[in-house]
């Protein structure tokens, strides 16, 4: 998946979208816990924009770090208390297929969600490529749906079934060579292991995400996602494991 015309369409499967009335949708957004890749980019010389920044494929789709696990555990405790009462209103959960978000849901949200729904079963948990982070570095390079489904078997992977197991569901730049200028900090020695997702393609994907939500029958959705996605809709600098509330109005 790479060409701009394909980017906002191949990440979703039209046949799987359920018809819903276009009404105000409530999205509770949670940013993932700190990842191993985040830890790397906190080091001096490896921060975003540093002239000595060197991207590395060893940080491809990294899990949450020890600090991230502590953040996620604190999130779980918070959500199980009154601060998480809104979870009883959730009708659907969507999770980015990047490991840091999948782990954040499993260790930080699942128990609280089940707690608020007892004795009834919790709502469906759906992996959704539209909710994945904008590709900044190798950290946004994902893994095949076949591998992910084995590791996170209790999550619904039906939205990725139309994608071949070995096919990239993230932006790769294939077919876009020479079409987009480098938008990331560059020219001072920075190195990137993967092509960055151009703003126009990312924006189109966010429009597609909003349309996907509007076509769902559920009114209240929990979305475990990333800084770039949540910042797009809130204009807030979300901390790891931060929570926000987003409204998609009928005219949005």
Protein backbone atom coordinates (compact mmCIF):
# COMPACT_ATOMS: atom_id res chain seq x y z
CA UNK A 1 0.00 0.00 0.00
CA UNK A 2 1.61 3.21 -1.07
CA UNK A 3 0.09 5.29 -3.83
CA UNK A 4 -1.89 8.27 -2.59
CA UNK A 5 -5.03 7.13 -4.37
CA UNK A 6 -4.83 3.77 -2.61
CA UNK A 7 -3.71 4.89 0.84
CA UNK A 8 -7.06 5.93 2.29
CA UNK A 9 -8.98 3.06 0.74
CA UNK A 10 -6.92 -0.08 1.13
CA UNK A 11 -6.75 0.35 4.91
CA UNK A 12 -10.47 -0.31 5.22
CA UNK A 13 -12.88 -2.88 3.82
CA UNK A 14 -16.12 -1.31 2.55
CA UNK A 15 -18.03 -4.58 2.80
CA UNK A 16 -17.38 -4.68 6.55
CA UNK A 17 -18.82 -1.23 7.31
CA UNK A 18 -22.22 -1.37 8.93
CA UNK A 19 -24.84 1.20 8.03
CA UNK A 20 -25.49 3.72 10.80
CA UNK A 21 -27.42 6.94 11.23
CA UNK A 22 -25.17 9.99 10.87
CA UNK A 23 -25.31 11.35 14.39
CA UNK A 24 -22.85 12.73 16.90
CA UNK A 25 -20.26 10.09 17.78
CA UNK A 26 -18.28 10.12 21.02
CA UNK A 27 -14.72 8.85 20.86
CA UNK A 28 -12.74 8.24 24.04
CA UNK A 29 -9.13 8.28 22.90
CA UNK A 30 -6.25 6.75 24.84
CA UNK A 31 -2.64 7.13 23.80
CA UNK A 32 -0.47 4.03 24.21
CA UNK A 33 2.06 3.58 27.01
CA UNK A 34 5.66 4.58 26.40
CA UNK A 35 7.34 2.20 23.97
CA UNK A 36 10.91 1.01 23.58
CA UNK A 37 11.06 3.24 20.50
CA UNK A 38 9.86 6.22 22.55
CA UNK A 39 12.66 5.56 25.05
CA UNK A 40 15.23 5.62 22.25
CA UNK A 41 13.91 8.95 20.99
CA UNK A 42 14.17 10.49 24.47
CA UNK A 43 17.95 10.12 24.46
CA UNK A 44 20.14 13.11 23.67
CA UNK A 45 21.16 12.96 20.03
CA UNK A 46 18.28 10.64 19.17
CA UNK A 47 15.46 13.11 19.72
CA UNK A 48 13.19 14.15 16.88
CA UNK A 49 14.94 16.92 14.99
CA UNK A 50 18.43 16.25 16.37
CA UNK A 51 21.09 16.52 13.67
CA UNK A 52 22.49 13.19 14.85
CA UNK A 53 19.11 11.41 14.74
CA UNK A 54 19.50 7.94 13.25
CA UNK A 55 16.42 5.86 12.56
CA UNK A 56 16.90 2.10 12.92
CA UNK A 57 14.79 -0.88 11.87
CA UNK A 58 15.58 -2.53 15.20
CA UNK A 59 12.91 -0.20 16.57
CA UNK A 60 10.26 -1.50 14.18
CA UNK A 61 6.91 -1.87 15.97
CA UNK A 62 8.45 -2.00 19.43
CA UNK A 63 6.47 -3.09 22.52
CA UNK A 64 5.92 -0.91 25.55
CA UNK A 65 8.95 -0.39 27.78
CA UNK A 66 9.27 -1.00 31.53
CA UNK A 67 8.19 2.58 32.10
CA UNK A 68 5.35 2.02 29.65
CA UNK A 69 4.22 -1.06 31.58
CA UNK A 70 4.10 1.01 34.78
CA UNK A 71 2.08 3.69 32.98
CA UNK A 72 -0.32 1.08 31.63
CA UNK A 73 -0.79 -0.52 35.06
CA UNK A 74 -1.58 2.91 36.52
CA UNK A 75 -4.04 3.48 33.67
CA UNK A 76 -5.80 0.20 34.47
CA UNK A 77 -6.20 1.14 38.13
CA UNK A 78 -7.51 4.57 37.13
CA UNK A 79 -10.04 3.17 34.68
CA UNK A 80 -11.38 0.62 37.15
CA UNK A 81 -12.30 3.43 39.55
CA UNK A 82 -14.90 6.19 39.15
CA UNK A 83 -12.63 8.00 36.70
CA UNK A 84 -13.42 5.22 34.26
CA UNK A 85 -17.19 5.16 34.68
CA UNK A 86 -17.54 6.32 31.09
CA UNK A 87 -16.33 2.90 30.01
CA UNK A 88 -19.80 1.47 30.70
CA UNK A 89 -21.05 3.62 27.80
CA UNK A 90 -18.57 2.16 25.28
CA UNK A 91 -20.18 0.12 22.52
CA UNK A 92 -17.09 -0.66 20.45
CA UNK A 93 -13.32 -0.63 20.95
CA UNK A 94 -10.93 0.09 18.09
CA UNK A 95 -7.20 -0.44 18.49
CA UNK A 96 -4.27 0.46 16.26
CA UNK A 97 -2.54 -2.73 15.03
CA UNK A 98 0.83 -1.46 16.28
CA UNK A 99 2.09 -3.52 19.22
CA UNK A 100 2.35 -0.65 21.70
CA UNK A 101 -1.38 0.03 21.34
CA UNK A 102 -2.38 -3.63 21.42
CA UNK A 103 -0.40 -4.10 24.65
CA UNK A 104 -1.82 -0.91 26.14
CA UNK A 105 -5.33 -2.22 25.58
CA UNK A 106 -4.56 -5.71 26.88
CA UNK A 107 -2.75 -4.58 30.03
CA UNK A 108 -4.35 -1.19 30.63
CA UNK A 109 -7.93 -1.34 29.37
CA UNK A 110 -9.29 -4.87 29.07
CA UNK A 111 -9.67 -5.61 32.79
CA UNK A 112 -11.29 -2.23 33.45
CA UNK A 113 -13.65 -2.66 30.50
CA UNK A 114 -14.71 -6.10 31.75
CA UNK A 115 -15.12 -4.68 35.26
CA UNK A 116 -17.52 -1.97 34.09
CA UNK A 117 -19.56 -4.44 32.02
CA UNK A 118 -19.87 -7.29 34.55
CA UNK A 119 -21.75 -9.59 34.41
CA UNK A 120 -22.36 -8.86 30.71
CA UNK A 121 -19.60 -9.45 28.15
CA UNK A 122 -17.61 -6.38 27.03
CA UNK A 123 -18.07 -4.86 23.56
CA UNK A 124 -16.19 -6.02 20.47
CA UNK A 125 -12.49 -5.14 20.29
CA UNK A 126 -11.49 -4.47 16.70
CA UNK A 127 -8.01 -3.88 15.24
CA UNK A 128 -8.21 -1.01 12.76
CA UNK A 129 -5.41 0.14 10.45
CA UNK A 130 -7.00 3.57 10.03
CA UNK A 131 -6.16 4.24 13.70
CA UNK A 132 -2.45 3.52 13.24
CA UNK A 133 0.15 6.24 13.73
CA UNK A 134 1.36 8.42 10.89
CA UNK A 135 4.62 6.92 9.65
CA UNK A 136 7.39 9.10 11.09
CA UNK A 137 10.08 6.44 11.57
CA UNK A 138 10.67 2.69 11.57
CA UNK A 139 8.62 2.59 14.78
CA UNK A 140 5.46 2.87 12.69
CA UNK A 141 6.40 -0.08 10.49
CA UNK A 142 4.02 -2.82 11.51
CA UNK A 143 3.94 -6.60 11.39
CA UNK A 144 1.86 -9.01 9.34
CA UNK A 145 -1.73 -9.60 10.40
CA UNK A 146 -0.98 -13.33 10.61
CA UNK A 147 1.65 -12.78 13.32
CA UNK A 148 -0.45 -10.22 15.18
CA UNK A 149 -3.52 -12.43 15.23
CA UNK A 150 -1.53 -15.25 16.82
CA UNK A 151 -0.15 -12.95 19.51
CA UNK A 152 -3.39 -11.08 20.23
CA UNK A 153 -5.95 -13.78 19.55
CA UNK A 154 -8.80 -12.23 21.57
CA UNK A 155 -8.92 -9.16 19.32
CA UNK A 156 -11.11 -9.13 16.21
CA UNK A 157 -8.90 -8.96 13.09
CA UNK A 158 -11.70 -9.03 10.52
CA UNK A 159 -10.84 -5.52 9.26
CA UNK A 160 -7.47 -6.85 8.07
CA UNK A 161 -8.76 -10.05 6.49
CA UNK A 162 -8.82 -8.49 3.04
CA UNK A 163 -5.09 -7.71 3.34
CA UNK A 164 -2.69 -10.50 2.39
CA UNK A 165 -0.73 -11.82 5.36
CA UNK A 166 2.57 -10.58 3.96
CA UNK A 167 1.21 -7.31 2.59
CA UNK A 168 2.08 -4.06 4.34
CA UNK A 169 -0.97 -2.34 5.83
CA UNK A 170 1.13 0.70 6.79
CA UNK A 171 2.50 3.41 4.47
CA UNK A 172 5.62 2.20 2.64
CA UNK A 173 6.11 4.83 -0.05
CA UNK A 174 5.94 2.18 -2.78
CA UNK A 175 4.64 3.79 -5.96
CA UNK A 176 5.11 7.28 -4.52
CA UNK A 177 8.81 7.64 -5.30
CA UNK A 178 9.60 11.23 -6.26
CA UNK A 179 6.05 12.47 -5.65
CA UNK A 180 6.55 13.97 -2.20
CA UNK A 181 9.25 16.14 -0.65
CA UNK A 182 10.90 15.09 2.60
CA UNK A 183 8.84 16.77 5.34
CA UNK A 184 10.73 15.45 8.35
CA UNK A 185 13.73 17.33 9.82
CA UNK A 186 16.57 16.77 7.37
CA UNK A 187 19.69 18.23 5.83
CA UNK A 188 21.78 18.22 9.00
CA UNK A 189 22.76 14.54 9.06
CA UNK A 190 19.45 12.94 10.04
CA UNK A 191 18.81 9.45 8.70
CA UNK A 192 15.45 7.73 8.23
CA UNK A 193 15.10 4.00 7.63
CA UNK A 194 11.65 4.27 6.04
CA UNK A 195 9.74 6.82 3.93
CA UNK A 196 7.64 9.26 5.95
CA UNK A 197 3.89 9.32 5.39
CA UNK A 198 3.12 12.59 3.56
CA UNK A 199 0.64 14.96 5.17
CA UNK A 200 -1.85 14.67 2.30
CA UNK A 201 -1.99 10.88 2.65
CA UNK A 202 -2.23 11.00 6.44
CA UNK A 203 -5.00 13.63 6.24
CA UNK A 204 -6.92 11.46 3.77
CA UNK A 205 -6.61 8.54 6.18
CA UNK A 206 -7.99 10.62 9.03
CA UNK A 207 -10.97 11.60 6.86
CA UNK A 208 -11.47 7.91 6.10
CA UNK A 209 -11.30 7.11 9.84
CA UNK A 210 -13.99 9.66 10.62
CA UNK A 211 -16.19 8.32 7.82
CA UNK A 212 -15.66 4.78 9.09
CA UNK A 213 -16.82 5.85 12.55
CA UNK A 214 -19.90 7.62 11.13
CA UNK A 215 -20.90 4.47 9.22
CA UNK A 216 -20.80 2.34 12.36
CA UNK A 217 -24.03 1.87 14.34
CA UNK A 218 -22.26 2.43 17.68
CA UNK A 219 -22.43 5.91 19.19
CA UNK A 220 -19.66 5.68 21.82
CA UNK A 221 -16.30 4.20 20.89
CA UNK A 222 -13.03 3.68 22.74
CA UNK A 223 -9.99 4.18 20.49
CA UNK A 224 -6.49 3.17 21.64
CA UNK A 225 -4.19 5.03 19.29
CA UNK A 226 -1.23 7.36 18.95
CA UNK A 227 0.02 10.91 19.43
CA UNK A 228 -0.34 11.84 15.74
CA UNK A 229 -3.89 10.53 15.38
CA UNK A 230 -5.16 12.01 18.65
CA UNK A 231 -3.37 15.30 18.03
CA UNK A 232 -5.04 15.53 14.62
CA UNK A 233 -8.48 15.53 16.20
CA UNK A 234 -7.79 17.34 19.49
CA UNK A 235 -4.77 19.59 18.75
CA UNK A 236 -3.51 18.47 22.16
CA UNK A 237 -0.05 17.15 22.98
CA UNK A 238 -1.19 13.85 24.47
CA UNK A 239 1.05 12.21 27.07
CA UNK A 240 1.51 8.45 27.11
CA UNK A 241 -1.63 6.82 28.53
CA UNK A 242 -3.43 10.17 28.38
CA UNK A 243 -7.20 10.13 27.86
CA UNK A 244 -9.25 12.52 25.74
CA UNK A 245 -12.85 12.87 24.59
CA UNK A 246 -13.56 13.61 20.93
CA UNK A 247 -16.88 14.40 19.27
CA UNK A 248 -17.60 13.78 15.59
CA UNK A 249 -20.67 15.90 14.82
CA UNK A 250 -23.22 15.02 12.10
CA UNK A 251 -21.72 17.65 9.78
CA UNK A 252 -18.08 16.71 10.43
